[in-house]
mmCIF file of all heavy atoms, coordinates in Angstrom:
data_MODEL
# 
_entry.id   MODEL 
# 
loop_
_atom_site.group_PDB 
_atom_site.id 
_atom_site.type_symbol 
_atom_site.label_atom_id 
_atom_site.label_alt_id 
_atom_site.label_comp_id 
_atom_site.label_asym_id 
_atom_site.label_entity_id 
_atom_site.label_seq_id 
_atom_site.pdbx_PDB_ins_code 
_atom_site.Cartn_x 
_atom_site.Cartn_y 
_atom_site.Cartn_z 
_atom_site.occupancy 
_atom_site.B_iso_or_equiv 
_atom_site.pdbx_formal_charge 
_atom_site.auth_seq_id 
_atom_site.auth_comp_id 
_atom_site.auth_asym_id 
_atom_site.auth_atom_id 
_atom_site.pdbx_PDB_model_num 
ATOM 1   N N   . VAL A 1 1  ? -84.236  149.174 35.228 1.00 0.00 ? 1  VAL A N   1 
ATOM 2   C CA  . VAL A 1 1  ? -85.052  149.724 34.145 1.00 0.00 ? 1  VAL A CA  1 
ATOM 3   C C   . VAL A 1 1  ? -85.662  148.540 33.405 1.00 0.00 ? 1  VAL A C   1 
ATOM 4   O O   . VAL A 1 1  ? -84.957  147.584 33.058 1.00 0.00 ? 1  VAL A O   1 
ATOM 5   C CB  . VAL A 1 1  ? -84.201  150.585 33.191 1.00 0.00 ? 1  VAL A CB  1 
ATOM 6   C CG1 . VAL A 1 1  ? -85.042  151.037 32.001 1.00 0.00 ? 1  VAL A CG1 1 
ATOM 7   C CG2 . VAL A 1 1  ? -83.621  151.782 33.916 1.00 0.00 ? 1  VAL A CG2 1 
ATOM 8   N N   . VAL A 1 2  ? -86.978  148.595 33.178 1.00 0.00 ? 2  VAL A N   1 
ATOM 9   C CA  . VAL A 1 2  ? -87.676  147.454 32.575 1.00 0.00 ? 2  VAL A CA  1 
ATOM 10  C C   . VAL A 1 2  ? -88.631  147.928 31.487 1.00 0.00 ? 2  VAL A C   1 
ATOM 11  O O   . VAL A 1 2  ? -88.995  149.102 31.415 1.00 0.00 ? 2  VAL A O   1 
ATOM 12  C CB  . VAL A 1 2  ? -88.477  146.656 33.641 1.00 0.00 ? 2  VAL A CB  1 
ATOM 13  C CG1 . VAL A 1 2  ? -87.541  146.094 34.697 1.00 0.00 ? 2  VAL A CG1 1 
ATOM 14  C CG2 . VAL A 1 2  ? -89.554  147.538 34.280 1.00 0.00 ? 2  VAL A CG2 1 
ATOM 15  N N   . LEU A 1 3  ? -89.031  146.982 30.650 1.00 0.00 ? 3  LEU A N   1 
ATOM 16  C CA  . LEU A 1 3  ? -90.121  147.156 29.697 1.00 0.00 ? 3  LEU A CA  1 
ATOM 17  C C   . LEU A 1 3  ? -91.330  146.375 30.199 1.00 0.00 ? 3  LEU A C   1 
ATOM 18  O O   . LEU A 1 3  ? -91.241  145.622 31.168 1.00 0.00 ? 3  LEU A O   1 
ATOM 19  C CB  . LEU A 1 3  ? -89.702  146.653 28.314 1.00 0.00 ? 3  LEU A CB  1 
ATOM 20  C CG  . LEU A 1 3  ? -88.538  147.395 27.631 1.00 0.00 ? 3  LEU A CG  1 
ATOM 21  C CD1 . LEU A 1 3  ? -88.114  146.653 26.372 1.00 0.00 ? 3  LEU A CD1 1 
ATOM 22  C CD2 . LEU A 1 3  ? -88.941  148.823 27.301 1.00 0.00 ? 3  LEU A CD2 1 
ATOM 23  N N   . GLN A 1 4  ? -92.458  146.535 29.537 1.00 0.00 ? 4  GLN A N   1 
ATOM 24  C CA  . GLN A 1 4  ? -93.632  145.751 29.910 1.00 0.00 ? 4  GLN A CA  1 
ATOM 25  C C   . GLN A 1 4  ? -93.313  144.257 29.768 1.00 0.00 ? 4  GLN A C   1 
ATOM 26  O O   . GLN A 1 4  ? -92.627  143.847 28.829 1.00 0.00 ? 4  GLN A O   1 
ATOM 27  C CB  . GLN A 1 4  ? -94.823  146.103 29.019 1.00 0.00 ? 4  GLN A CB  1 
ATOM 28  C CG  . GLN A 1 4  ? -95.474  147.432 29.344 1.00 0.00 ? 4  GLN A CG  1 
ATOM 29  C CD  . GLN A 1 4  ? -96.271  147.414 30.644 1.00 0.00 ? 4  GLN A CD  1 
ATOM 30  O OE1 . GLN A 1 4  ? -96.438  146.365 31.263 1.00 0.00 ? 4  GLN A OE1 1 
ATOM 31  N NE2 . GLN A 1 4  ? -96.755  148.566 31.062 1.00 0.00 ? 4  GLN A NE2 1 
ATOM 32  N N   . PRO A 1 5  ? -93.765  143.421 30.704 1.00 0.00 ? 5  PRO A N   1 
ATOM 33  C CA  . PRO A 1 5  ? -93.429  141.999 30.642 1.00 0.00 ? 5  PRO A CA  1 
ATOM 34  C C   . PRO A 1 5  ? -94.080  141.304 29.453 1.00 0.00 ? 5  PRO A C   1 
ATOM 35  O O   . PRO A 1 5  ? -95.157  141.674 29.006 1.00 0.00 ? 5  PRO A O   1 
ATOM 36  C CB  . PRO A 1 5  ? -93.980  141.460 31.961 1.00 0.00 ? 5  PRO A CB  1 
ATOM 37  C CG  . PRO A 1 5  ? -95.085  142.390 32.325 1.00 0.00 ? 5  PRO A CG  1 
ATOM 38  C CD  . PRO A 1 5  ? -94.651  143.736 31.840 1.00 0.00 ? 5  PRO A CD  1 
ATOM 39  N N   . THR A 1 6  ? -93.381  140.315 28.966 1.00 0.00 ? 6  THR A N   1 
ATOM 40  C CA  . THR A 1 6  ? -93.907  139.500 27.867 1.00 0.00 ? 6  THR A CA  1 
ATOM 41  C C   . THR A 1 6  ? -93.848  138.034 28.295 1.00 0.00 ? 6  THR A C   1 
ATOM 42  O O   . THR A 1 6  ? -93.421  137.712 29.389 1.00 0.00 ? 6  THR A O   1 
ATOM 43  C CB  . THR A 1 6  ? -93.075  139.711 26.595 1.00 0.00 ? 6  THR A CB  1 
ATOM 44  O OG1 . THR A 1 6  ? -91.697  139.397 26.885 1.00 0.00 ? 6  THR A OG1 1 
ATOM 45  C CG2 . THR A 1 6  ? -93.159  141.154 26.106 1.00 0.00 ? 6  THR A CG2 1 
ATOM 46  N N   . GLY A 1 7  ? -94.279  137.168 27.417 1.00 0.00 ? 7  GLY A N   1 
ATOM 47  C CA  . GLY A 1 7  ? -94.212  135.756 27.732 1.00 0.00 ? 7  GLY A CA  1 
ATOM 48  C C   . GLY A 1 7  ? -95.510  135.238 28.307 1.00 0.00 ? 7  GLY A C   1 
ATOM 49  O O   . GLY A 1 7  ? -96.501  135.960 28.441 1.00 0.00 ? 7  GLY A O   1 
ATOM 50  N N   . PRO A 1 8  ? -95.515  133.963 28.686 1.00 0.00 ? 8  PRO A N   1 
ATOM 51  C CA  . PRO A 1 8  ? -96.752  133.312 29.140 1.00 0.00 ? 8  PRO A CA  1 
ATOM 52  C C   . PRO A 1 8  ? -97.126  133.716 30.565 1.00 0.00 ? 8  PRO A C   1 
ATOM 53  O O   . PRO A 1 8  ? -96.292  134.191 31.344 1.00 0.00 ? 8  PRO A O   1 
ATOM 54  C CB  . PRO A 1 8  ? -96.389  131.828 29.086 1.00 0.00 ? 8  PRO A CB  1 
ATOM 55  C CG  . PRO A 1 8  ? -94.902  131.815 29.340 1.00 0.00 ? 8  PRO A CG  1 
ATOM 56  C CD  . PRO A 1 8  ? -94.365  133.043 28.673 1.00 0.00 ? 8  PRO A CD  1 
ATOM 57  N N   . PHE A 1 9  ? -98.385  133.501 30.899 1.00 0.00 ? 9  PHE A N   1 
ATOM 58  C CA  . PHE A 1 9  ? -98.834  133.678 32.275 1.00 0.00 ? 9  PHE A CA  1 
ATOM 59  C C   . PHE A 1 9  ? -98.261  132.557 33.142 1.00 0.00 ? 9  PHE A C   1 
ATOM 60  O O   . PHE A 1 9  ? -98.145  131.401 32.711 1.00 0.00 ? 9  PHE A O   1 
ATOM 61  C CB  . PHE A 1 9  ? -100.364 133.642 32.359 1.00 0.00 ? 9  PHE A CB  1 
ATOM 62  C CG  . PHE A 1 9  ? -101.027 134.878 31.810 1.00 0.00 ? 9  PHE A CG  1 
ATOM 63  C CD1 . PHE A 1 9  ? -101.783 134.803 30.651 1.00 0.00 ? 9  PHE A CD1 1 
ATOM 64  C CD2 . PHE A 1 9  ? -100.884 136.104 32.444 1.00 0.00 ? 9  PHE A CD2 1 
ATOM 65  C CE1 . PHE A 1 9  ? -102.398 135.938 30.133 1.00 0.00 ? 9  PHE A CE1 1 
ATOM 66  C CE2 . PHE A 1 9  ? -101.496 137.239 31.937 1.00 0.00 ? 9  PHE A CE2 1 
ATOM 67  C CZ  . PHE A 1 9  ? -102.244 137.151 30.779 1.00 0.00 ? 9  PHE A CZ  1 
ATOM 68  N N   . LYS A 1 10 ? -97.924  132.919 34.385 1.00 0.00 ? 10 LYS A N   1 
ATOM 69  C CA  . LYS A 1 10 ? -97.442  131.945 35.350 1.00 0.00 ? 10 LYS A CA  1 
ATOM 70  C C   . LYS A 1 10 ? -98.309  132.030 36.607 1.00 0.00 ? 10 LYS A C   1 
ATOM 71  O O   . LYS A 1 10 ? -99.007  133.015 36.825 1.00 0.00 ? 10 LYS A O   1 
ATOM 72  C CB  . LYS A 1 10 ? -95.977  132.206 35.706 1.00 0.00 ? 10 LYS A CB  1 
ATOM 73  C CG  . LYS A 1 10 ? -95.020  132.025 34.536 1.00 0.00 ? 10 LYS A CG  1 
ATOM 74  C CD  . LYS A 1 10 ? -93.561  132.177 34.991 1.00 0.00 ? 10 LYS A CD  1 
ATOM 75  C CE  . LYS A 1 10 ? -92.608  131.918 33.836 1.00 0.00 ? 10 LYS A CE  1 
ATOM 76  N NZ  . LYS A 1 10 ? -91.181  132.002 34.272 1.00 0.00 ? 10 LYS A NZ  1 
ATOM 77  N N   . VAL A 1 11 ? -98.213  130.979 37.427 1.00 0.00 ? 11 VAL A N   1 
ATOM 78  C CA  . VAL A 1 11 ? -99.013  130.911 38.648 1.00 0.00 ? 11 VAL A CA  1 
ATOM 79  C C   . VAL A 1 11 ? -98.088  130.631 39.827 1.00 0.00 ? 11 VAL A C   1 
ATOM 80  O O   . VAL A 1 11 ? -97.149  129.840 39.719 1.00 0.00 ? 11 VAL A O   1 
ATOM 81  C CB  . VAL A 1 11 ? -100.089 129.811 38.560 1.00 0.00 ? 11 VAL A CB  1 
ATOM 82  C CG1 . VAL A 1 11 ? -100.921 129.780 39.845 1.00 0.00 ? 11 VAL A CG1 1 
ATOM 83  C CG2 . VAL A 1 11 ? -100.985 130.036 37.365 1.00 0.00 ? 11 VAL A CG2 1 
ATOM 84  N N   . ALA A 1 12 ? -98.362  131.304 40.956 1.00 0.00 ? 12 ALA A N   1 
ATOM 85  C CA  . ALA A 1 12 ? -97.595  131.054 42.183 1.00 0.00 ? 12 ALA A CA  1 
ATOM 86  C C   . ALA A 1 12 ? -98.530  131.115 43.374 1.00 0.00 ? 12 ALA A C   1 
ATOM 87  O O   . ALA A 1 12 ? -99.556  131.804 43.352 1.00 0.00 ? 12 ALA A O   1 
ATOM 88  C CB  . ALA A 1 12 ? -96.476  132.084 42.340 1.00 0.00 ? 12 ALA A CB  1 
ATOM 89  N N   . LYS A 1 13 ? -98.180  130.380 44.416 1.00 0.00 ? 13 LYS A N   1 
ATOM 90  C CA  . LYS A 1 13 ? -98.914  130.472 45.660 1.00 0.00 ? 13 LYS A CA  1 
ATOM 91  C C   . LYS A 1 13 ? -98.616  131.799 46.342 1.00 0.00 ? 13 LYS A C   1 
ATOM 92  O O   . LYS A 1 13 ? -97.544  132.395 46.128 1.00 0.00 ? 13 LYS A O   1 
ATOM 93  C CB  . LYS A 1 13 ? -98.543  129.312 46.584 1.00 0.00 ? 13 LYS A CB  1 
ATOM 94  C CG  . LYS A 1 13 ? -98.944  127.952 46.070 1.00 0.00 ? 13 LYS A CG  1 
ATOM 95  C CD  . LYS A 1 13 ? -98.541  126.863 47.058 1.00 0.00 ? 13 LYS A CD  1 
ATOM 96  C CE  . LYS A 1 13 ? -98.961  125.487 46.558 1.00 0.00 ? 13 LYS A CE  1 
ATOM 97  N NZ  . LYS A 1 13 ? -98.543  124.411 47.495 1.00 0.00 ? 13 LYS A NZ  1 
ATOM 98  N N   . LEU A 1 14 ? -99.528  132.245 47.172 1.00 0.00 ? 14 LEU A N   1 
ATOM 99  C CA  . LEU A 1 14 ? -99.331  133.518 47.866 1.00 0.00 ? 14 LEU A CA  1 
ATOM 100 C C   . LEU A 1 14 ? -98.064  133.485 48.724 1.00 0.00 ? 14 LEU A C   1 
ATOM 101 O O   . LEU A 1 14 ? -97.389  134.502 48.867 1.00 0.00 ? 14 LEU A O   1 
ATOM 102 C CB  . LEU A 1 14 ? -100.555 133.826 48.744 1.00 0.00 ? 14 LEU A CB  1 
ATOM 103 C CG  . LEU A 1 14 ? -100.536 135.164 49.487 1.00 0.00 ? 14 LEU A CG  1 
ATOM 104 C CD1 . LEU A 1 14 ? -100.472 136.328 48.506 1.00 0.00 ? 14 LEU A CD1 1 
ATOM 105 C CD2 . LEU A 1 14 ? -101.767 135.289 50.381 1.00 0.00 ? 14 LEU A CD2 1 
ATOM 106 N N   . SER A 1 15 ? -97.730  132.340 49.275 1.00 0.00 ? 15 SER A N   1 
ATOM 107 C CA  . SER A 1 15 ? -96.526  132.226 50.112 1.00 0.00 ? 15 SER A CA  1 
ATOM 108 C C   . SER A 1 15 ? -95.245  132.470 49.339 1.00 0.00 ? 15 SER A C   1 
ATOM 109 O O   . SER A 1 15 ? -94.190  132.715 49.933 1.00 0.00 ? 15 SER A O   1 
ATOM 110 C CB  . SER A 1 15 ? -96.484  130.839 50.761 1.00 0.00 ? 15 SER A CB  1 
ATOM 111 O OG  . SER A 1 15 ? -96.468  129.819 49.768 1.00 0.00 ? 15 SER A OG  1 
ATOM 112 N N   . GLN A 1 16 ? -95.294  132.402 48.013 1.00 0.00 ? 16 GLN A N   1 
ATOM 113 C CA  . GLN A 1 16 ? -94.099  132.633 47.191 1.00 0.00 ? 16 GLN A CA  1 
ATOM 114 C C   . GLN A 1 16 ? -93.857  134.117 46.928 1.00 0.00 ? 16 GLN A C   1 
ATOM 115 O O   . GLN A 1 16 ? -92.811  134.487 46.397 1.00 0.00 ? 16 GLN A O   1 
ATOM 116 C CB  . GLN A 1 16 ? -94.234  131.876 45.860 1.00 0.00 ? 16 GLN A CB  1 
ATOM 117 C CG  . GLN A 1 16 ? -94.267  130.367 46.006 1.00 0.00 ? 16 GLN A CG  1 
ATOM 118 C CD  . GLN A 1 16 ? -94.555  129.669 44.686 1.00 0.00 ? 16 GLN A CD  1 
ATOM 119 O OE1 . GLN A 1 16 ? -95.697  129.296 44.399 1.00 0.00 ? 16 GLN A OE1 1 
ATOM 120 N NE2 . GLN A 1 16 ? -93.531  129.506 43.862 1.00 0.00 ? 16 GLN A NE2 1 
ATOM 121 N N   . VAL A 1 17 ? -94.825  134.957 47.275 1.00 0.00 ? 17 VAL A N   1 
ATOM 122 C CA  . VAL A 1 17 ? -94.665  136.411 47.096 1.00 0.00 ? 17 VAL A CA  1 
ATOM 123 C C   . VAL A 1 17 ? -93.845  136.952 48.265 1.00 0.00 ? 17 VAL A C   1 
ATOM 124 O O   . VAL A 1 17 ? -94.240  136.809 49.430 1.00 0.00 ? 17 VAL A O   1 
ATOM 125 C CB  . VAL A 1 17 ? -96.044  137.105 47.044 1.00 0.00 ? 17 VAL A CB  1 
ATOM 126 C CG1 . VAL A 1 17 ? -95.869  138.611 46.872 1.00 0.00 ? 17 VAL A CG1 1 
ATOM 127 C CG2 . VAL A 1 17 ? -96.880  136.525 45.908 1.00 0.00 ? 17 VAL A CG2 1 
ATOM 128 N N   . SER A 1 18 ? -92.700  137.583 47.973 1.00 0.00 ? 18 SER A N   1 
ATOM 129 C CA  . SER A 1 18 ? -91.810  138.024 49.054 1.00 0.00 ? 18 SER A CA  1 
ATOM 130 C C   . SER A 1 18 ? -92.011  139.482 49.439 1.00 0.00 ? 18 SER A C   1 
ATOM 131 O O   . SER A 1 18 ? -92.073  139.811 50.620 1.00 0.00 ? 18 SER A O   1 
ATOM 132 C CB  . SER A 1 18 ? -90.343  137.786 48.664 1.00 0.00 ? 18 SER A CB  1 
ATOM 133 O OG  . SER A 1 18 ? -90.024  138.476 47.463 1.00 0.00 ? 18 SER A OG  1 
ATOM 134 N N   . HIS A 1 19 ? -92.101  140.381 48.464 1.00 0.00 ? 19 HIS A N   1 
ATOM 135 C CA  . HIS A 1 19 ? -92.294  141.785 48.819 1.00 0.00 ? 19 HIS A CA  1 
ATOM 136 C C   . HIS A 1 19 ? -92.881  142.559 47.642 1.00 0.00 ? 19 HIS A C   1 
ATOM 137 O O   . HIS A 1 19 ? -92.893  142.081 46.506 1.00 0.00 ? 19 HIS A O   1 
ATOM 138 C CB  . HIS A 1 19 ? -90.983  142.433 49.278 1.00 0.00 ? 19 HIS A CB  1 
ATOM 139 C CG  . HIS A 1 19 ? -89.906  142.418 48.231 1.00 0.00 ? 19 HIS A CG  1 
ATOM 140 N ND1 . HIS A 1 19 ? -88.937  141.446 48.155 1.00 0.00 ? 19 HIS A ND1 1 
ATOM 141 C CD2 . HIS A 1 19 ? -89.630  143.279 47.207 1.00 0.00 ? 19 HIS A CD2 1 
ATOM 142 C CE1 . HIS A 1 19 ? -88.116  141.695 47.158 1.00 0.00 ? 19 HIS A CE1 1 
ATOM 143 N NE2 . HIS A 1 19 ? -88.521  142.794 46.565 1.00 0.00 ? 19 HIS A NE2 1 
ATOM 144 N N   . LYS A 1 20 ? -93.349  143.742 47.952 1.00 0.00 ? 20 LYS A N   1 
ATOM 145 C CA  . LYS A 1 20 ? -93.984  144.610 46.957 1.00 0.00 ? 20 LYS A CA  1 
ATOM 146 C C   . LYS A 1 20 ? -92.960  145.540 46.332 1.00 0.00 ? 20 LYS A C   1 
ATOM 147 O O   . LYS A 1 20 ? -91.958  145.902 46.961 1.00 0.00 ? 20 LYS A O   1 
ATOM 148 C CB  . LYS A 1 20 ? -95.096  145.424 47.620 1.00 0.00 ? 20 LYS A CB  1 
ATOM 149 C CG  . LYS A 1 20 ? -96.022  146.159 46.646 1.00 0.00 ? 20 LYS A CG  1 
ATOM 150 C CD  . LYS A 1 20 ? -97.214  146.736 47.388 1.00 0.00 ? 20 LYS A CD  1 
ATOM 151 C CE  . LYS A 1 20 ? -98.194  147.412 46.426 1.00 0.00 ? 20 LYS A CE  1 
ATOM 152 N NZ  . LYS A 1 20 ? -99.402  147.896 47.120 1.00 0.00 ? 20 LYS A NZ  1 
ATOM 153 N N   . CYS A 1 21 ? -93.211  145.939 45.092 1.00 0.00 ? 21 CYS A N   1 
ATOM 154 C CA  . CYS A 1 21 ? -92.320  146.850 44.371 1.00 0.00 ? 21 CYS A CA  1 
ATOM 155 C C   . CYS A 1 21 ? -93.106  148.058 43.859 1.00 0.00 ? 21 CYS A C   1 
ATOM 156 O O   . CYS A 1 21 ? -94.338  148.048 43.827 1.00 0.00 ? 21 CYS A O   1 
ATOM 157 C CB  . CYS A 1 21 ? -91.647  146.142 43.194 1.00 0.00 ? 21 CYS A CB  1 
ATOM 158 S SG  . CYS A 1 21 ? -90.642  144.711 43.646 1.00 0.00 ? 21 CYS A SG  1 
ATOM 159 N N   . MET A 1 22 ? -92.357  149.068 43.452 1.00 0.00 ? 22 MET A N   1 
ATOM 160 C CA  . MET A 1 22 ? -92.950  150.261 42.845 1.00 0.00 ? 22 MET A CA  1 
ATOM 161 C C   . MET A 1 22 ? -92.434  150.375 41.414 1.00 0.00 ? 22 MET A C   1 
ATOM 162 O O   . MET A 1 22 ? -91.243  150.199 41.164 1.00 0.00 ? 22 MET A O   1 
ATOM 163 C CB  . MET A 1 22 ? -92.586  151.515 43.640 1.00 0.00 ? 22 MET A CB  1 
ATOM 164 C CG  . MET A 1 22 ? -93.228  152.787 43.081 1.00 0.00 ? 22 MET A CG  1 
ATOM 165 S SD  . MET A 1 22 ? -92.660  154.306 43.911 1.00 0.00 ? 22 MET A SD  1 
ATOM 166 C CE  . MET A 1 22 ? -93.305  154.060 45.542 1.00 0.00 ? 22 MET A CE  1 
ATOM 167 N N   . LEU A 1 23 ? -93.340  150.656 40.489 1.00 0.00 ? 23 LEU A N   1 
ATOM 168 C CA  . LEU A 1 23 ? -93.007  150.803 39.076 1.00 0.00 ? 23 LEU A CA  1 
ATOM 169 C C   . LEU A 1 23 ? -93.280  152.243 38.672 1.00 0.00 ? 23 LEU A C   1 
ATOM 170 O O   . LEU A 1 23 ? -94.406  152.718 38.767 1.00 0.00 ? 23 LEU A O   1 
ATOM 171 C CB  . LEU A 1 23 ? -93.858  149.845 38.231 1.00 0.00 ? 23 LEU A CB  1 
ATOM 172 C CG  . LEU A 1 23 ? -93.485  149.696 36.758 1.00 0.00 ? 23 LEU A CG  1 
ATOM 173 C CD1 . LEU A 1 23 ? -92.194  148.909 36.620 1.00 0.00 ? 23 LEU A CD1 1 
ATOM 174 C CD2 . LEU A 1 23 ? -94.609  148.990 35.995 1.00 0.00 ? 23 LEU A CD2 1 
ATOM 175 N N   . LEU A 1 24 ? -92.230  152.961 38.239 1.00 0.00 ? 24 LEU A N   1 
ATOM 176 C CA  . LEU A 1 24 ? -92.361  154.376 37.904 1.00 0.00 ? 24 LEU A CA  1 
ATOM 177 C C   . LEU A 1 24 ? -91.978  154.623 36.450 1.00 0.00 ? 24 LEU A C   1 
ATOM 178 O O   . LEU A 1 24 ? -91.002  154.045 35.949 1.00 0.00 ? 24 LEU A O   1 
ATOM 179 C CB  . LEU A 1 24 ? -91.452  155.222 38.812 1.00 0.00 ? 24 LEU A CB  1 
ATOM 180 C CG  . LEU A 1 24 ? -91.767  155.186 40.308 1.00 0.00 ? 24 LEU A CG  1 
ATOM 181 C CD1 . LEU A 1 24 ? -90.715  155.979 41.083 1.00 0.00 ? 24 LEU A CD1 1 
ATOM 182 C CD2 . LEU A 1 24 ? -93.153  155.737 40.588 1.00 0.00 ? 24 LEU A CD2 1 
ATOM 183 N N   . PRO A 1 25 ? -92.726  155.479 35.731 1.00 0.00 ? 25 PRO A N   1 
ATOM 184 C CA  . PRO A 1 25 ? -92.388  155.773 34.338 1.00 0.00 ? 25 PRO A CA  1 
ATOM 185 C C   . PRO A 1 25 ? -91.067  156.534 34.229 1.00 0.00 ? 25 PRO A C   1 
ATOM 186 O O   . PRO A 1 25 ? -90.798  157.441 35.017 1.00 0.00 ? 25 PRO A O   1 
ATOM 187 C CB  . PRO A 1 25 ? -93.567  156.636 33.863 1.00 0.00 ? 25 PRO A CB  1 
ATOM 188 C CG  . PRO A 1 25 ? -94.129  157.242 35.111 1.00 0.00 ? 25 PRO A CG  1 
ATOM 189 C CD  . PRO A 1 25 ? -93.908  156.232 36.193 1.00 0.00 ? 25 PRO A CD  1 
# 
């Protein structure tokens, strides 16, 4: 269970993305 993310923007290379997630209300 999560809230909307806060904090600074970050940057990553595409190779650092491992998998996709689903966000449901």
